[in-house]
Amino acid sequence: MSADKLSLHREIDALYVGHHAWLRGWLSRKLGCTHRAADLAHDTFVRLLARDEPIGADEPRAFLTTVAQRVLSNHWRREQIERAYLDVLAQRPEAVAPSPEERAVVVETLLEIDRLLDGLPPAAKRAFLLAQLDGLTQVEIARQLGVSLATVKRYLVKAGTQCFFAMAA
């Protein structure tokens, strides 16, 4: 392990020892669940371990709060996507319901798509999803969104380009 990585691990260790209990309590108040708070506190420190550059935080709790808020935001987004998927599944006949493993794969795929489309305007995301998931034509998408065909084409190019470059990175 390089000296820089060792120094970073020591810095994270000091943050963990000094502030983990506080962070867990802060997350517990946000979530109303000590178990999920413990999981997300863990995820916060795992995210720090993935860093390459030193932290150097003058205000460790403010720094941890910022990182934990991102982890919390990802958690809530995941719950929202999973809930929407489960709502769709509830409308299907039980005989065609996917297995728990298939559901997990679909949720992970939906989360990856959401990550790839992050930052796009909502209409561009919607157009992309209507084309890719619902199989609508560009004309049908334009009609459904109430925009011109040229706008739909711009949305699809923008979404496709963003996905391509996000996957290439």
N, C-alpha and C. Protein backbone atom coordinates (compact mmCIF):
# COMPACT_ATOMS: atom_id res chain seq x y z
N MET A 1 0.85 -1.17 0.00
CA MET A 1 0.00 0.00 0.00
C MET A 1 0.90 1.23 0.00
N SER A 2 0.56 2.22 -0.83
CA SER A 2 1.37 3.42 -0.93
C SER A 2 1.23 4.26 0.34
N ALA A 3 2.20 5.16 0.53
CA ALA A 3 2.19 6.03 1.71
C ALA A 3 0.95 6.93 1.70
N ASP A 4 0.55 7.40 0.50
CA ASP A 4 -0.63 8.26 0.40
C ASP A 4 -1.89 7.51 0.79
N LYS A 5 -2.03 6.27 0.33
CA LYS A 5 -3.20 5.46 0.64
C LYS A 5 -3.22 5.13 2.13
N LEU A 6 -2.07 4.83 2.70
CA LEU A 6 -1.97 4.54 4.13
C LEU A 6 -2.36 5.77 4.94
N SER A 7 -1.90 6.92 4.51
CA SER A 7 -2.25 8.17 5.20
C SER A 7 -3.76 8.42 5.13
N LEU A 8 -4.35 8.16 3.96
CA LEU A 8 -5.80 8.33 3.80
C LEU A 8 -6.56 7.37 4.71
N HIS A 9 -6.11 6.13 4.79
CA HIS A 9 -6.76 5.14 5.66
C HIS A 9 -6.68 5.55 7.13
N ARG A 10 -5.55 6.13 7.52
CA ARG A 10 -5.42 6.61 8.90
C ARG A 10 -6.38 7.77 9.16
N GLU A 11 -6.50 8.63 8.17
CA GLU A 11 -7.42 9.77 8.29
C GLU A 11 -8.87 9.28 8.43
N ILE A 12 -9.24 8.30 7.63
CA ILE A 12 -10.60 7.74 7.68
C ILE A 12 -10.80 7.01 9.01
N ASP A 13 -9.77 6.29 9.46
CA ASP A 13 -9.84 5.61 10.75
C ASP A 13 -10.11 6.61 11.88
N ALA A 14 -9.41 7.74 11.84
CA ALA A 14 -9.63 8.77 12.87
C ALA A 14 -11.05 9.33 12.79
N LEU A 15 -11.55 9.54 11.58
CA LEU A 15 -12.93 9.99 11.42
C LEU A 15 -13.90 8.97 11.98
N TYR A 16 -13.65 7.71 11.68
CA TYR A 16 -14.53 6.63 12.14
C TYR A 16 -14.55 6.56 13.66
N VAL A 17 -13.38 6.53 14.26
CA VAL A 17 -13.28 6.43 15.72
C VAL A 17 -13.93 7.64 16.39
N GLY A 18 -13.67 8.81 15.84
CA GLY A 18 -14.15 10.04 16.48
C GLY A 18 -15.61 10.40 16.20
N HIS A 19 -16.18 9.90 15.08
CA HIS A 19 -17.48 10.44 14.67
C HIS A 19 -18.50 9.41 14.18
N HIS A 20 -18.13 8.12 14.16
CA HIS A 20 -19.07 7.12 13.65
C HIS A 20 -20.36 7.09 14.47
N ALA A 21 -20.25 7.07 15.79
CA ALA A 21 -21.45 7.01 16.64
C ALA A 21 -22.32 8.24 16.41
N TRP A 22 -21.69 9.40 16.30
CA TRP A 22 -22.45 10.62 16.04
C TRP A 22 -23.17 10.53 14.69
N LEU A 23 -22.46 10.07 13.66
CA LEU A 23 -23.05 9.96 12.33
C LEU A 23 -24.22 8.97 12.33
N ARG A 24 -24.04 7.86 13.00
CA ARG A 24 -25.12 6.87 13.10
C ARG A 24 -26.35 7.49 13.77
N GLY A 25 -26.14 8.28 14.81
CA GLY A 25 -27.25 8.95 15.49
C GLY A 25 -27.92 9.98 14.59
N TRP A 26 -27.12 10.72 13.84
CA TRP A 26 -27.66 11.72 12.92
C TRP A 26 -28.52 11.04 11.85
N LEU A 27 -28.00 9.97 11.29
CA LEU A 27 -28.76 9.23 10.27
C LEU A 27 -30.01 8.58 10.87
N SER A 28 -29.90 8.11 12.08
CA SER A 28 -31.06 7.50 12.74
C SER A 28 -32.19 8.51 12.90
N ARG A 29 -31.85 9.74 13.25
CA ARG A 29 -32.88 10.78 13.36
C ARG A 29 -33.50 11.09 12.00
N LYS A 30 -32.69 11.06 10.96
CA LYS A 30 -33.20 11.33 9.61
C LYS A 30 -34.11 10.22 9.11
N LEU A 31 -33.73 8.97 9.42
CA LEU A 31 -34.43 7.81 8.88
C LEU A 31 -35.50 7.24 9.80
N GLY A 32 -35.35 7.46 11.10
CA GLY A 32 -36.28 6.87 12.04
C GLY A 32 -36.07 5.37 12.21
N CYS A 33 -34.89 4.89 11.84
CA CYS A 33 -34.60 3.46 11.92
C CYS A 33 -33.11 3.28 12.21
N THR A 34 -32.81 2.69 13.36
CA THR A 34 -31.41 2.54 13.74
C THR A 34 -30.66 1.55 12.85
N HIS A 35 -31.37 0.53 12.36
CA HIS A 35 -30.71 -0.48 11.51
C HIS A 35 -30.29 0.12 10.17
N ARG A 36 -31.21 0.84 9.54
CA ARG A 36 -30.85 1.48 8.25
C ARG A 36 -29.79 2.55 8.47
N ALA A 37 -29.87 3.25 9.61
CA ALA A 37 -28.86 4.27 9.92
C ALA A 37 -27.48 3.64 10.03
N ALA A 38 -27.40 2.49 10.67
CA ALA A 38 -26.12 1.80 10.79
C ALA A 38 -25.60 1.38 9.41
N ASP A 39 -26.49 0.89 8.57
CA ASP A 39 -26.09 0.50 7.20
C ASP A 39 -25.57 1.70 6.42
N LEU A 40 -26.28 2.82 6.51
CA LEU A 40 -25.88 3.99 5.73
C LEU A 40 -24.63 4.65 6.31
N ALA A 41 -24.43 4.57 7.62
CA ALA A 41 -23.18 5.07 8.21
C ALA A 41 -22.02 4.24 7.66
N HIS A 42 -22.23 2.93 7.62
CA HIS A 42 -21.22 2.03 7.04
C HIS A 42 -20.95 2.42 5.58
N ASP A 43 -22.02 2.61 4.80
CA ASP A 43 -21.86 2.98 3.39
C ASP A 43 -21.11 4.30 3.23
N THR A 44 -21.32 5.22 4.16
CA THR A 44 -20.62 6.51 4.11
C THR A 44 -19.11 6.29 4.23
N PHE A 45 -18.71 5.45 5.17
CA PHE A 45 -17.27 5.20 5.35
C PHE A 45 -16.70 4.36 4.21
N VAL A 46 -17.48 3.47 3.65
CA VAL A 46 -17.03 2.71 2.48
C VAL A 46 -16.77 3.67 1.32
N ARG A 47 -17.66 4.65 1.16
CA ARG A 47 -17.46 5.64 0.10
C ARG A 47 -16.16 6.41 0.33
N LEU A 48 -15.86 6.72 1.58
CA LEU A 48 -14.61 7.43 1.87
C LEU A 48 -13.40 6.57 1.54
N LEU A 49 -13.50 5.27 1.79
CA LEU A 49 -12.38 4.37 1.50
C LEU A 49 -12.09 4.27 0.00
N ALA A 50 -13.07 4.60 -0.83
CA ALA A 50 -12.88 4.54 -2.27
C ALA A 50 -12.14 5.78 -2.80
N ARG A 51 -11.95 6.75 -1.96
CA ARG A 51 -11.27 7.99 -2.38
C ARG A 51 -9.78 7.74 -2.64
N ASP A 52 -9.21 8.61 -3.46
CA ASP A 52 -7.78 8.55 -3.69
C ASP A 52 -7.06 9.75 -3.07
N GLU A 53 -7.78 10.84 -2.89
CA GLU A 53 -7.15 12.05 -2.38
C GLU A 53 -7.43 12.21 -0.88
N PRO A 54 -6.53 12.90 -0.17
CA PRO A 54 -6.73 13.10 1.27
C PRO A 54 -8.00 13.90 1.55
N ILE A 55 -8.53 13.71 2.73
CA ILE A 55 -9.77 14.39 3.10
C ILE A 55 -9.46 15.79 3.62
N GLY A 56 -8.62 15.89 4.61
CA GLY A 56 -8.21 17.19 5.13
C GLY A 56 -9.36 18.06 5.58
N ALA A 57 -10.35 17.48 6.21
CA ALA A 57 -11.54 18.23 6.63
C ALA A 57 -11.28 18.99 7.92
N ASP A 58 -11.45 20.31 7.87
CA ASP A 58 -11.31 21.13 9.07
C ASP A 58 -12.50 20.91 10.00
N GLU A 59 -13.65 20.64 9.41
CA GLU A 59 -14.89 20.39 10.14
C GLU A 59 -15.35 18.96 9.82
N PRO A 60 -14.86 17.97 10.54
CA PRO A 60 -15.15 16.57 10.19
C PRO A 60 -16.64 16.24 10.16
N ARG A 61 -17.41 16.77 11.08
CA ARG A 61 -18.84 16.44 11.10
C ARG A 61 -19.57 17.06 9.91
N ALA A 62 -19.19 18.25 9.54
CA ALA A 62 -19.79 18.88 8.35
C ALA A 62 -19.42 18.07 7.11
N PHE A 63 -18.18 17.63 7.03
CA PHE A 63 -17.74 16.81 5.91
C PHE A 63 -18.51 15.50 5.86
N LEU A 64 -18.60 14.81 7.01
CA LEU A 64 -19.32 13.53 7.06
C LEU A 64 -20.80 13.73 6.74
N THR A 65 -21.37 14.84 7.19
CA THR A 65 -22.77 15.12 6.89
C THR A 65 -22.98 15.26 5.39
N THR A 66 -22.07 15.94 4.72
CA THR A 66 -22.18 16.11 3.26
C THR A 66 -22.12 14.76 2.55
N VAL A 67 -21.15 13.95 2.92
CA VAL A 67 -21.01 12.63 2.29
C VAL A 67 -22.24 11.77 2.61
N ALA A 68 -22.67 11.78 3.88
CA ALA A 68 -23.81 10.97 4.29
C ALA A 68 -25.10 11.44 3.60
N GLN A 69 -25.24 12.73 3.35
CA GLN A 69 -26.43 13.22 2.65
C GLN A 69 -26.48 12.67 1.23
N ARG A 70 -25.34 12.55 0.59
CA ARG A 70 -25.30 11.94 -0.75
C ARG A 70 -25.69 10.47 -0.69
N VAL A 71 -25.16 9.77 0.31
CA VAL A 71 -25.51 8.36 0.49
C VAL A 71 -27.00 8.23 0.79
N LEU A 72 -27.52 9.11 1.63
CA LEU A 72 -28.94 9.10 1.98
C LEU A 72 -29.80 9.41 0.76
N SER A 73 -29.38 10.36 -0.04
CA SER A 73 -30.11 10.70 -1.26
C SER A 73 -30.16 9.50 -2.21
N ASN A 74 -29.05 8.80 -2.36
CA ASN A 74 -29.01 7.59 -3.19
C ASN A 74 -29.94 6.52 -2.62
N HIS A 75 -29.97 6.40 -1.32
CA HIS A 75 -30.85 5.43 -0.65
C HIS A 75 -32.32 5.74 -0.95
N TRP A 76 -32.70 7.01 -0.79
CA TRP A 76 -34.09 7.39 -1.05
C TRP A 76 -34.45 7.22 -2.52
N ARG A 77 -33.52 7.53 -3.40
CA ARG A 77 -33.77 7.36 -4.83
C ARG A 77 -33.96 5.88 -5.15
N ARG A 78 -33.14 5.05 -4.56
CA ARG A 78 -33.27 3.60 -4.77
C ARG A 78 -34.64 3.11 -4.29
N GLU A 79 -35.04 3.57 -3.09
CA GLU A 79 -36.35 3.18 -2.57
C GLU A 79 -37.48 3.63 -3.50
N GLN A 80 -37.36 4.84 -4.02
CA GLN A 80 -38.39 5.37 -4.93
C GLN A 80 -38.48 4.53 -6.20
N ILE A 81 -37.36 4.17 -6.77
CA ILE A 81 -37.34 3.37 -7.99
C ILE A 81 -37.88 1.96 -7.70
N GLU A 82 -37.44 1.39 -6.60
CA GLU A 82 -37.91 0.05 -6.24
C GLU A 82 -39.42 0.04 -5.98
N ARG A 83 -39.91 1.07 -5.29
CA ARG A 83 -41.34 1.16 -5.00
C ARG A 83 -42.15 1.30 -6.30
N ALA A 84 -41.66 2.12 -7.23
CA ALA A 84 -42.36 2.28 -8.51
C ALA A 84 -42.40 0.96 -9.27
N TYR A 85 -41.30 0.23 -9.26
CA TYR A 85 -41.26 -1.07 -9.93
C TYR A 85 -42.23 -2.05 -9.28
N LEU A 86 -42.25 -2.08 -7.96
CA LEU A 86 -43.15 -2.99 -7.25
C LEU A 86 -44.62 -2.62 -7.50
N ASP A 87 -44.89 -1.33 -7.65
CA ASP A 87 -46.26 -0.90 -7.98
C ASP A 87 -46.68 -1.44 -9.35
N VAL A 88 -45.76 -1.41 -10.30
CA VAL A 88 -46.05 -1.94 -11.63
C VAL A 88 -46.27 -3.45 -11.54
N LEU A 89 -45.42 -4.12 -10.77
CA LEU A 89 -45.56 -5.57 -10.62
C LEU A 89 -46.90 -5.95 -9.99
N ALA A 90 -47.36 -5.14 -9.06
CA ALA A 90 -48.62 -5.44 -8.38
C ALA A 90 -49.80 -5.44 -9.34
N GLN A 91 -49.66 -4.78 -10.47
CA GLN A 91 -50.73 -4.71 -11.46
C GLN A 91 -50.70 -5.91 -12.41
N ARG A 92 -49.65 -6.71 -12.35
CA ARG A 92 -49.53 -7.87 -13.24
C ARG A 92 -50.13 -9.10 -12.57
N PRO A 93 -50.59 -10.04 -13.38
CA PRO A 93 -51.09 -11.29 -12.80
C PRO A 93 -49.95 -12.01 -12.06
N GLU A 94 -50.28 -12.65 -10.97
CA GLU A 94 -49.27 -13.32 -10.16
C GLU A 94 -48.52 -14.40 -10.94
N ALA A 95 -49.18 -15.01 -11.90
CA ALA A 95 -48.56 -16.09 -12.68
C ALA A 95 -47.37 -15.60 -13.50
N VAL A 96 -47.34 -14.31 -13.85
CA VAL A 96 -46.22 -13.79 -14.65
C VAL A 96 -45.28 -12.93 -13.82
N ALA A 97 -45.43 -12.98 -12.51
CA ALA A 97 -44.55 -12.20 -11.63
C ALA A 97 -43.14 -12.79 -11.66
N PRO A 98 -42.13 -11.92 -11.71
CA PRO A 98 -40.75 -12.41 -11.73
C PRO A 98 -40.34 -12.96 -10.36
N SER A 99 -39.31 -13.78 -10.37
CA SER A 99 -38.77 -14.33 -9.13
C SER A 99 -38.07 -13.21 -8.35
N PRO A 100 -37.79 -13.43 -7.07
CA PRO A 100 -37.05 -12.42 -6.31
C PRO A 100 -35.69 -12.07 -6.94
N GLU A 101 -35.03 -13.06 -7.51
CA GLU A 101 -33.74 -12.81 -8.16
C GLU A 101 -33.92 -11.92 -9.39
N GLU A 102 -34.95 -12.22 -10.19
CA GLU A 102 -35.22 -11.40 -11.38
C GLU A 102 -35.60 -9.98 -10.98
N ARG A 103 -36.38 -9.85 -9.90
CA ARG A 103 -36.75 -8.51 -9.42
C ARG A 103 -35.50 -7.73 -9.02
N ALA A 104 -34.58 -8.39 -8.33
CA ALA A 104 -33.35 -7.72 -7.90
C ALA A 104 -32.54 -7.25 -9.10
N VAL A 105 -32.45 -8.07 -10.13
CA VAL A 105 -31.71 -7.70 -11.34
C VAL A 105 -32.38 -6.51 -12.03
N VAL A 106 -33.71 -6.53 -12.12
CA VAL A 106 -34.43 -5.43 -12.76
C VAL A 106 -34.23 -4.14 -11.97
N VAL A 107 -34.31 -4.20 -10.65
CA VAL A 107 -34.12 -3.00 -9.83
C VAL A 107 -32.71 -2.45 -10.03
N GLU A 108 -31.71 -3.32 -10.03
CA GLU A 108 -30.33 -2.87 -10.26
C GLU A 108 -30.19 -2.23 -11.64
N THR A 109 -30.83 -2.81 -12.64
CA THR A 109 -30.79 -2.26 -14.00
C THR A 109 -31.47 -0.89 -14.04
N LEU A 110 -32.61 -0.78 -13.39
CA LEU A 110 -33.31 0.51 -13.34
C LEU A 110 -32.46 1.57 -12.64
N LEU A 111 -31.78 1.19 -11.58
CA LEU A 111 -30.90 2.13 -10.88
C LEU A 111 -29.74 2.57 -11.77
N GLU A 112 -29.20 1.64 -12.54
CA GLU A 112 -28.11 1.99 -13.46
C GLU A 112 -28.61 2.93 -14.55
N ILE A 113 -29.78 2.67 -15.08
CA ILE A 113 -30.37 3.57 -16.09
C ILE A 113 -30.58 4.95 -15.48
N ASP A 114 -31.11 4.99 -14.27
CA ASP A 114 -31.32 6.26 -13.59
C ASP A 114 -30.00 7.01 -13.43
N ARG A 115 -28.94 6.28 -13.07
CA ARG A 115 -27.63 6.91 -12.91
C ARG A 115 -27.12 7.46 -14.24
N LEU A 116 -27.30 6.68 -15.30
CA LEU A 116 -26.84 7.11 -16.61
C LEU A 116 -27.58 8.34 -17.12
N LEU A 117 -28.85 8.45 -16.76
CA LEU A 117 -29.68 9.56 -17.23
C LEU A 117 -29.66 10.75 -16.28
N ASP A 118 -28.95 10.63 -15.17
CA ASP A 118 -28.91 11.69 -14.18
C ASP A 118 -28.45 13.01 -14.81
N GLY A 119 -29.17 14.05 -14.54
CA GLY A 119 -28.80 15.37 -15.05
C GLY A 119 -29.54 15.77 -16.31
N LEU A 120 -30.20 14.83 -16.95
CA LEU A 120 -30.99 15.17 -18.13
C LEU A 120 -32.28 15.88 -17.71
N PRO A 121 -32.80 16.74 -18.55
CA PRO A 121 -34.12 17.32 -18.26
C PRO A 121 -35.17 16.20 -18.19
N PRO A 122 -36.17 16.35 -17.34
CA PRO A 122 -37.19 15.30 -17.18
C PRO A 122 -37.83 14.86 -18.50
N ALA A 123 -38.09 15.80 -19.40
CA ALA A 123 -38.72 15.43 -20.67
C ALA A 123 -37.80 14.56 -21.52
N ALA A 124 -36.51 14.83 -21.49
CA ALA A 124 -35.56 14.01 -22.25
C ALA A 124 -35.48 12.60 -21.66
N LYS A 125 -35.48 12.51 -20.33
CA LYS A 125 -35.51 11.19 -19.68
C LYS A 125 -36.76 10.43 -20.08
N ARG A 126 -37.88 11.12 -20.00
CA ARG A 126 -39.18 10.48 -20.31
C ARG A 126 -39.19 9.98 -21.74
N ALA A 127 -38.71 10.81 -22.68
CA ALA A 127 -38.68 10.41 -24.09
C ALA A 127 -37.81 9.16 -24.27
N PHE A 128 -36.66 9.15 -23.64
CA PHE A 128 -35.74 8.02 -23.74
C PHE A 128 -36.40 6.75 -23.20
N LEU A 129 -37.02 6.87 -22.03
CA LEU A 129 -37.66 5.70 -21.41
C LEU A 129 -38.85 5.21 -22.22
N LEU A 130 -39.61 6.14 -22.79
CA LEU A 130 -40.74 5.73 -23.63
C LEU A 130 -40.25 4.96 -24.86
N ALA A 131 -39.12 5.40 -25.40
CA ALA A 131 -38.57 4.72 -26.58
C ALA A 131 -37.97 3.37 -26.20
N GLN A 132 -37.18 3.34 -25.13
CA GLN A 132 -36.44 2.13 -24.79
C GLN A 132 -37.26 1.09 -24.04
N LEU A 133 -38.09 1.54 -23.12
CA LEU A 133 -38.83 0.59 -22.29
C LEU A 133 -40.22 0.27 -22.84
N ASP A 134 -40.88 1.30 -23.39
CA ASP A 134 -42.24 1.09 -23.90
C ASP A 134 -42.27 0.82 -25.40
N GLY A 135 -41.13 1.03 -26.06
CA GLY A 135 -41.06 0.74 -27.49
C GLY A 135 -41.87 1.69 -28.36
N LEU A 136 -42.14 2.90 -27.86
CA LEU A 136 -42.91 3.85 -28.66
C LEU A 136 -42.05 4.42 -29.78
N THR A 137 -42.70 4.77 -30.87
CA THR A 137 -41.99 5.44 -31.98
C THR A 137 -41.79 6.90 -31.61
N GLN A 138 -40.95 7.57 -32.36
CA GLN A 138 -40.72 8.99 -32.11
C GLN A 138 -41.99 9.81 -32.28
N VAL A 139 -42.80 9.46 -33.25
CA VAL A 139 -44.07 10.16 -33.47
C VAL A 139 -44.99 9.97 -32.27
N GLU A 140 -45.07 8.75 -31.75
CA GLU A 140 -45.90 8.47 -30.58
C GLU A 140 -45.40 9.22 -29.34
N ILE A 141 -44.09 9.28 -29.20
CA ILE A 141 -43.50 10.01 -28.06
C ILE A 141 -43.83 11.49 -28.17
N ALA A 142 -43.68 12.05 -29.38
CA ALA A 142 -43.99 13.47 -29.59
C ALA A 142 -45.44 13.76 -29.21
N ARG A 143 -46.33 12.88 -29.64
CA ARG A 143 -47.75 13.05 -29.33
C ARG A 143 -47.98 12.97 -27.82
N GLN A 144 -47.37 11.98 -27.17
CA GLN A 144 -47.58 11.79 -25.74
C GLN A 144 -47.01 12.93 -24.92
N LEU A 145 -45.84 13.45 -25.32
CA LEU A 145 -45.21 14.54 -24.56
C LEU A 145 -45.71 15.92 -24.99
N GLY A 146 -46.41 15.98 -26.11
CA GLY A 146 -46.91 17.26 -26.60
C GLY A 146 -45.80 18.17 -27.12
N VAL A 147 -44.83 17.55 -27.78
CA VAL A 147 -43.71 18.31 -28.35
C VAL A 147 -43.55 17.92 -29.82
N SER A 148 -42.69 18.65 -30.51
CA SER A 148 -42.47 18.36 -31.92
C SER A 148 -41.61 17.11 -32.09
N LEU A 149 -41.66 16.54 -33.29
CA LEU A 149 -40.84 15.39 -33.62
C LEU A 149 -39.35 15.75 -33.52
N ALA A 150 -38.99 16.96 -33.96
CA ALA A 150 -37.59 17.40 -33.88
C ALA A 150 -37.12 17.47 -32.43
N THR A 151 -38.00 17.88 -31.53
CA THR A 151 -37.64 17.94 -30.10
C THR A 151 -37.41 16.55 -29.56
N VAL A 152 -38.26 15.60 -29.94
CA VAL A 152 -38.08 14.21 -29.50
C VAL A 152 -36.74 13.69 -29.99
N LYS A 153 -36.41 13.97 -31.23
CA LYS A 153 -35.12 13.51 -31.78
C LYS A 153 -33.96 14.10 -30.99
N ARG A 154 -34.05 15.39 -30.65
CA ARG A 154 -32.99 16.03 -29.84
C ARG A 154 -32.88 15.36 -28.47
N TYR A 155 -34.04 15.10 -27.84
CA TYR A 155 -34.05 14.43 -26.54
C TYR A 155 -33.36 13.07 -26.62
N LEU A 156 -33.70 12.30 -27.64
CA LEU A 156 -33.15 10.94 -27.76
C LEU A 156 -31.65 10.97 -28.04
N VAL A 157 -31.22 11.91 -28.86
CA VAL A 157 -29.77 12.03 -29.13
C VAL A 157 -29.04 12.44 -27.86
N LYS A 158 -29.61 13.39 -27.13
CA LYS A 158 -28.98 13.85 -25.89
C LYS A 158 -28.89 12.72 -24.86
N ALA A 159 -29.97 11.97 -24.69
CA ALA A 159 -29.99 10.87 -23.73
C ALA A 159 -29.04 9.76 -24.17
N GLY A 160 -29.06 9.42 -25.43
CA GLY A 160 -28.17 8.38 -25.93
C GLY A 160 -26.71 8.76 -25.79
N THR A 161 -26.40 10.01 -26.09
CA THR A 161 -25.03 10.50 -25.96
C THR A 161 -24.58 10.45 -24.50
N GLN A 162 -25.46 10.89 -23.61
CA GLN A 162 -25.11 10.88 -22.18
C GLN A 162 -24.87 9.46 -21.70
N CYS A 163 -25.70 8.54 -22.09
CA CYS A 163 -25.53 7.13 -21.70
C CYS A 163 -24.21 6.59 -22.24
N PHE A 164 -23.93 6.87 -23.50
CA PHE A 164 -22.70 6.38 -24.13
C PHE A 164 -21.47 6.87 -23.37
N PHE A 165 -21.41 8.18 -23.12
CA PHE A 165 -20.22 8.73 -22.48
C PHE A 165 -20.15 8.35 -21.00
N ALA A 166 -21.28 8.17 -20.34
CA ALA A 166 -21.26 7.74 -18.94
C ALA A 166 -20.74 6.30 -18.85
N MET A 167 -21.11 5.48 -19.80
CA MET A 167 -20.65 4.08 -19.78
C MET A 167 -19.18 3.97 -20.19
N ALA A 168 -18.73 4.89 -21.03
CA ALA A 168 -17.33 4.88 -21.50
C ALA A 168 -16.37 5.37 -20.42
N ALA A 169 -16.89 6.14 -19.48
CA ALA A 169 -16.03 6.73 -18.43
C ALA A 169 -15.57 5.71 -17.42
